[in-house]
Amino acid sequence: MMPDLGKYAGTVLTAYGAAIALLVVLVAVTLWQGARTKRQLAEIEGRLAKGD
């Protein structure tokens, strides 16, 4: 299924690998920040509920 890339195979495959790695890191960081923000929001809401 993969086309013959000739002498550029290493460069092209490295570029694909780097792009996939960067996307994985971006998704992981986004999920981590979302979880952190959710915890912080729950903490603030808990403090506000105790103040009522």
PDB file of N, CA and C in Angstrom:
ATOM      1  N   MET A   1       0.813  -1.203   0.000  1.00  0.00           N
ATOM      2  CA  MET A   1       0.000   0.000   0.000  1.00  0.00           C
ATOM      3  C   MET A   1       0.855   1.265   0.000  1.00  0.00           C
ATOM      4  N   MET A   2       2.061   1.186   0.552  1.00  0.00           N
ATOM      5  CA  MET A   2       2.909   2.372   0.632  1.00  0.00           C
ATOM      6  C   MET A   2       3.623   2.599  -0.700  1.00  0.00           C
ATOM      7  N   PRO A   3       3.579   3.843  -1.200  1.00  0.00           N
ATOM      8  CA  PRO A   3       4.249   4.115  -2.473  1.00  0.00           C
ATOM      9  C   PRO A   3       5.772   4.068  -2.307  1.00  0.00           C
ATOM     10  N   ASP A   4       6.461   3.857  -3.397  1.00  0.00           N
ATOM     11  CA  ASP A   4       7.919   3.841  -3.378  1.00  0.00           C
ATOM     12  C   ASP A   4       8.405   5.280  -3.232  1.00  0.00           C
ATOM     13  N   LEU A   5       9.093   5.570  -2.146  1.00  0.00           N
ATOM     14  CA  LEU A   5       9.554   6.928  -1.879  1.00  0.00           C
ATOM     15  C   LEU A   5      10.997   7.149  -2.309  1.00  0.00           C
ATOM     16  N   GLY A   6      11.651   6.091  -2.736  1.00  0.00           N
ATOM     17  CA  GLY A   6      13.023   6.208  -3.231  1.00  0.00           C
ATOM     18  C   GLY A   6      13.978   6.713  -2.170  1.00  0.00           C
ATOM     19  N   LYS A   7      14.827   7.631  -2.579  1.00  0.00           N
ATOM     20  CA  LYS A   7      15.855   8.120  -1.658  1.00  0.00           C
ATOM     21  C   LYS A   7      15.293   9.044  -0.583  1.00  0.00           C
ATOM     22  N   TYR A   8      14.036   9.439  -0.700  1.00  0.00           N
ATOM     23  CA  TYR A   8      13.419  10.331   0.283  1.00  0.00           C
ATOM     24  C   TYR A   8      12.638   9.586   1.362  1.00  0.00           C
ATOM     25  N   ALA A   9      12.680   8.277   1.336  1.00  0.00           N
ATOM     26  CA  ALA A   9      11.884   7.475   2.268  1.00  0.00           C
ATOM     27  C   ALA A   9      12.196   7.827   3.719  1.00  0.00           C
ATOM     28  N   GLY A  10      13.451   7.935   4.064  1.00  0.00           N
ATOM     29  CA  GLY A  10      13.828   8.255   5.441  1.00  0.00           C
ATOM     30  C   GLY A  10      13.305   9.614   5.880  1.00  0.00           C
ATOM     31  N   THR A  11      13.450  10.586   5.021  1.00  0.00           N
ATOM     32  CA  THR A  11      13.000  11.942   5.333  1.00  0.00           C
ATOM     33  C   THR A  11      11.486  12.000   5.483  1.00  0.00           C
ATOM     34  N   VAL A  12      10.782  11.383   4.554  1.00  0.00           N
ATOM     35  CA  VAL A  12       9.317  11.419   4.591  1.00  0.00           C
ATOM     36  C   VAL A  12       8.786  10.672   5.806  1.00  0.00           C
ATOM     37  N   LEU A  13       9.327   9.494   6.080  1.00  0.00           N
ATOM     38  CA  LEU A  13       8.861   8.714   7.226  1.00  0.00           C
ATOM     39  C   LEU A  13       9.198   9.409   8.547  1.00  0.00           C
ATOM     40  N   THR A  14      10.348  10.073   8.610  1.00  0.00           N
ATOM     41  CA  THR A  14      10.706  10.840   9.803  1.00  0.00           C
ATOM     42  C   THR A  14       9.736  12.001   9.998  1.00  0.00           C
ATOM     43  N   ALA A  15       9.381  12.669   8.919  1.00  0.00           N
ATOM     44  CA  ALA A  15       8.428  13.780   9.007  1.00  0.00           C
ATOM     45  C   ALA A  15       7.053  13.282   9.469  1.00  0.00           C
ATOM     46  N   TYR A  16       6.605  12.153   8.924  1.00  0.00           N
ATOM     47  CA  TYR A  16       5.329  11.575   9.373  1.00  0.00           C
ATOM     48  C   TYR A  16       5.402  11.211  10.852  1.00  0.00           C
ATOM     49  N   GLY A  17       6.493  10.587  11.264  1.00  0.00           N
ATOM     50  CA  GLY A  17       6.657  10.207  12.660  1.00  0.00           C
ATOM     51  C   GLY A  17       6.653  11.409  13.577  1.00  0.00           C
ATOM     52  N   ALA A  18       7.355  12.465  13.192  1.00  0.00           N
ATOM     53  CA  ALA A  18       7.396  13.683  14.002  1.00  0.00           C
ATOM     54  C   ALA A  18       6.019  14.321  14.097  1.00  0.00           C
ATOM     55  N   ALA A  19       5.293  14.362  12.999  1.00  0.00           N
ATOM     56  CA  ALA A  19       3.954  14.953  13.002  1.00  0.00           C
ATOM     57  C   ALA A  19       3.010  14.159  13.900  1.00  0.00           C
ATOM     58  N   ILE A  20       3.067  12.849  13.820  1.00  0.00           N
ATOM     59  CA  ILE A  20       2.207  12.006  14.660  1.00  0.00           C
ATOM     60  C   ILE A  20       2.581  12.179  16.135  1.00  0.00           C
ATOM     61  N   ALA A  21       3.886  12.223  16.425  1.00  0.00           N
ATOM     62  CA  ALA A  21       4.329  12.413  17.808  1.00  0.00           C
ATOM     63  C   ALA A  21       3.846  13.758  18.355  1.00  0.00           C
ATOM     64  N   LEU A  22       3.950  14.806  17.561  1.00  0.00           N
ATOM     65  CA  LEU A  22       3.493  16.126  18.003  1.00  0.00           C
ATOM     66  C   LEU A  22       1.984  16.147  18.241  1.00  0.00           C
ATOM     67  N   LEU A  23       1.234  15.470  17.395  1.00  0.00           N
ATOM     68  CA  LEU A  23      -0.212  15.401  17.591  1.00  0.00           C
ATOM     69  C   LEU A  23      -0.563  14.653  18.872  1.00  0.00           C
ATOM     70  N   VAL A  24       0.145  13.568  19.143  1.00  0.00           N
ATOM     71  CA  VAL A  24      -0.095  12.802  20.369  1.00  0.00           C
ATOM     72  C   VAL A  24       0.215  13.659  21.592  1.00  0.00           C
ATOM     73  N   VAL A  25       1.327  14.382  21.552  1.00  0.00           N
ATOM     74  CA  VAL A  25       1.689  15.264  22.669  1.00  0.00           C
ATOM     75  C   VAL A  25       0.645  16.359  22.843  1.00  0.00           C
ATOM     76  N   LEU A  26       0.197  16.946  21.762  1.00  0.00           N
ATOM     77  CA  LEU A  26      -0.810  18.007  21.833  1.00  0.00           C
ATOM     78  C   LEU A  26      -2.113  17.504  22.453  1.00  0.00           C
ATOM     79  N   VAL A  27      -2.554  16.327  22.053  1.00  0.00           N
ATOM     80  CA  VAL A  27      -3.782  15.753  22.613  1.00  0.00           C
ATOM     81  C   VAL A  27      -3.590  15.440  24.097  1.00  0.00           C
ATOM     82  N   ALA A  28      -2.435  14.873  24.456  1.00  0.00           N
ATOM     83  CA  ALA A  28      -2.166  14.543  25.859  1.00  0.00           C
ATOM     84  C   ALA A  28      -2.145  15.788  26.733  1.00  0.00           C
ATOM     85  N   VAL A  29      -1.490  16.837  26.270  1.00  0.00           N
ATOM     86  CA  VAL A  29      -1.436  18.090  27.041  1.00  0.00           C
ATOM     87  C   VAL A  29      -2.823  18.702  27.176  1.00  0.00           C
ATOM     88  N   THR A  30      -3.599  18.650  26.123  1.00  0.00           N
ATOM     89  CA  THR A  30      -4.958  19.197  26.168  1.00  0.00           C
ATOM     90  C   THR A  30      -5.815  18.441  27.177  1.00  0.00           C
ATOM     91  N   LEU A  31      -5.737  17.112  27.177  1.00  0.00           N
ATOM     92  CA  LEU A  31      -6.503  16.310  28.131  1.00  0.00           C
ATOM     93  C   LEU A  31      -6.044  16.576  29.562  1.00  0.00           C
ATOM     94  N   TRP A  32      -4.727  16.704  29.770  1.00  0.00           N
ATOM     95  CA  TRP A  32      -4.181  16.971  31.100  1.00  0.00           C
ATOM     96  C   TRP A  32      -4.653  18.337  31.605  1.00  0.00           C
ATOM     97  N   GLN A  33      -4.605  19.359  30.756  1.00  0.00           N
ATOM     98  CA  GLN A  33      -5.050  20.686  31.162  1.00  0.00           C
ATOM     99  C   GLN A  33      -6.552  20.698  31.433  1.00  0.00           C
ATOM    100  N   GLY A  34      -7.312  19.968  30.661  1.00  0.00           N
ATOM    101  CA  GLY A  34      -8.753  19.891  30.883  1.00  0.00           C
ATOM    102  C   GLY A  34      -9.079  19.261  32.226  1.00  0.00           C
ATOM    103  N   ALA A  35      -8.369  18.193  32.564  1.00  0.00           N
ATOM    104  CA  ALA A  35      -8.594  17.534  33.853  1.00  0.00           C
ATOM    105  C   ALA A  35      -8.196  18.459  35.001  1.00  0.00           C
ATOM    106  N   ARG A  36      -7.080  19.162  34.841  1.00  0.00           N
ATOM    107  CA  ARG A  36      -6.620  20.090  35.882  1.00  0.00           C
ATOM    108  C   ARG A  36      -7.626  21.224  36.079  1.00  0.00           C
ATOM    109  N   THR A  37      -8.137  21.761  34.989  1.00  0.00           N
ATOM    110  CA  THR A  37      -9.111  22.839  35.064  1.00  0.00           C
ATOM    111  C   THR A  37     -10.403  22.355  35.716  1.00  0.00           C
ATOM    112  N   LYS A  38     -10.819  21.142  35.392  1.00  0.00           N
ATOM    113  CA  LYS A  38     -12.031  20.571  35.980  1.00  0.00           C
ATOM    114  C   LYS A  38     -11.883  20.419  37.496  1.00  0.00           C
ATOM    115  N   ARG A  39     -10.703  19.940  37.937  1.00  0.00           N
ATOM    116  CA  ARG A  39     -10.442  19.817  39.383  1.00  0.00           C
ATOM    117  C   ARG A  39     -10.464  21.187  40.062  1.00  0.00           C
ATOM    118  N   GLN A  40      -9.846  22.175  39.440  1.00  0.00           N
ATOM    119  CA  GLN A  40      -9.819  23.517  40.020  1.00  0.00           C
ATOM    120  C   GLN A  40     -11.223  24.104  40.109  1.00  0.00           C
ATOM    121  N   LEU A  41     -12.024  23.907  39.087  1.00  0.00           N
ATOM    122  CA  LEU A  41     -13.392  24.412  39.097  1.00  0.00           C
ATOM    123  C   LEU A  41     -14.211  23.745  40.187  1.00  0.00           C
ATOM    124  N   ALA A  42     -14.053  22.433  40.350  1.00  0.00           N
ATOM    125  CA  ALA A  42     -14.771  21.720  41.406  1.00  0.00           C
ATOM    126  C   ALA A  42     -14.350  22.234  42.779  1.00  0.00           C
ATOM    127  N   GLU A  43     -13.072  22.519  42.949  1.00  0.00           N
ATOM    128  CA  GLU A  43     -12.581  23.054  44.223  1.00  0.00           C
ATOM    129  C   GLU A  43     -13.179  24.432  44.511  1.00  0.00           C
ATOM    130  N   ILE A  44     -13.209  25.283  43.516  1.00  0.00           N
ATOM    131  CA  ILE A  44     -13.775  26.624  43.699  1.00  0.00           C
ATOM    132  C   ILE A  44     -15.260  26.549  43.970  1.00  0.00           C
ATOM    133  N   GLU A  45     -15.978  25.693  43.255  1.00  0.00           N
ATOM    134  CA  GLU A  45     -17.411  25.537  43.487  1.00  0.00           C
ATOM    135  C   GLU A  45     -17.666  25.000  44.889  1.00  0.00           C
ATOM    136  N   GLY A  46     -16.808  24.101  45.361  1.00  0.00           N
ATOM    137  CA  GLY A  46     -16.950  23.569  46.728  1.00  0.00           C
ATOM    138  C   GLY A  46     -16.765  24.663  47.780  1.00  0.00           C
ATOM    139  N   ARG A  47     -15.788  25.527  47.550  1.00  0.00           N
ATOM    140  CA  ARG A  47     -15.553  26.632  48.480  1.00  0.00           C
ATOM    141  C   ARG A  47     -16.726  27.604  48.474  1.00  0.00           C
ATOM    142  N   LEU A  48     -17.279  27.862  47.300  1.00  0.00           N
ATOM    143  CA  LEU A  48     -18.419  28.782  47.193  1.00  0.00           C
ATOM    144  C   LEU A  48     -19.653  28.189  47.867  1.00  0.00           C
ATOM    145  N   ALA A  49     -19.836  26.873  47.754  1.00  0.00           N
ATOM    146  CA  ALA A  49     -20.991  26.223  48.374  1.00  0.00           C
ATOM    147  C   ALA A  49     -20.873  26.262  49.893  1.00  0.00           C
ATOM    148  N   LYS A  50     -19.686  26.146  50.422  1.00  0.00           N
ATOM    149  CA  LYS A  50     -19.484  26.203  51.868  1.00  0.00           C
ATOM    150  C   LYS A  50     -19.736  27.616  52.411  1.00  0.00           C
ATOM    151  N   GLY A  51     -19.528  28.613  51.569  1.00  0.00           N
ATOM    152  CA  GLY A  51     -19.720  30.004  51.987  1.00  0.00           C
ATOM    153  C   GLY A  51     -21.203  30.394  52.075  1.00  0.00           C
ATOM    154  N   ASP A  52     -22.068  29.620  51.448  1.00  0.00           N
ATOM    155  CA  ASP A  52     -23.511  29.955  51.457  1.00  0.00           C
ATOM    156  C   ASP A  52     -24.159  29.631  52.759  1.00  0.00           C
TER     157      ASP A  52
END
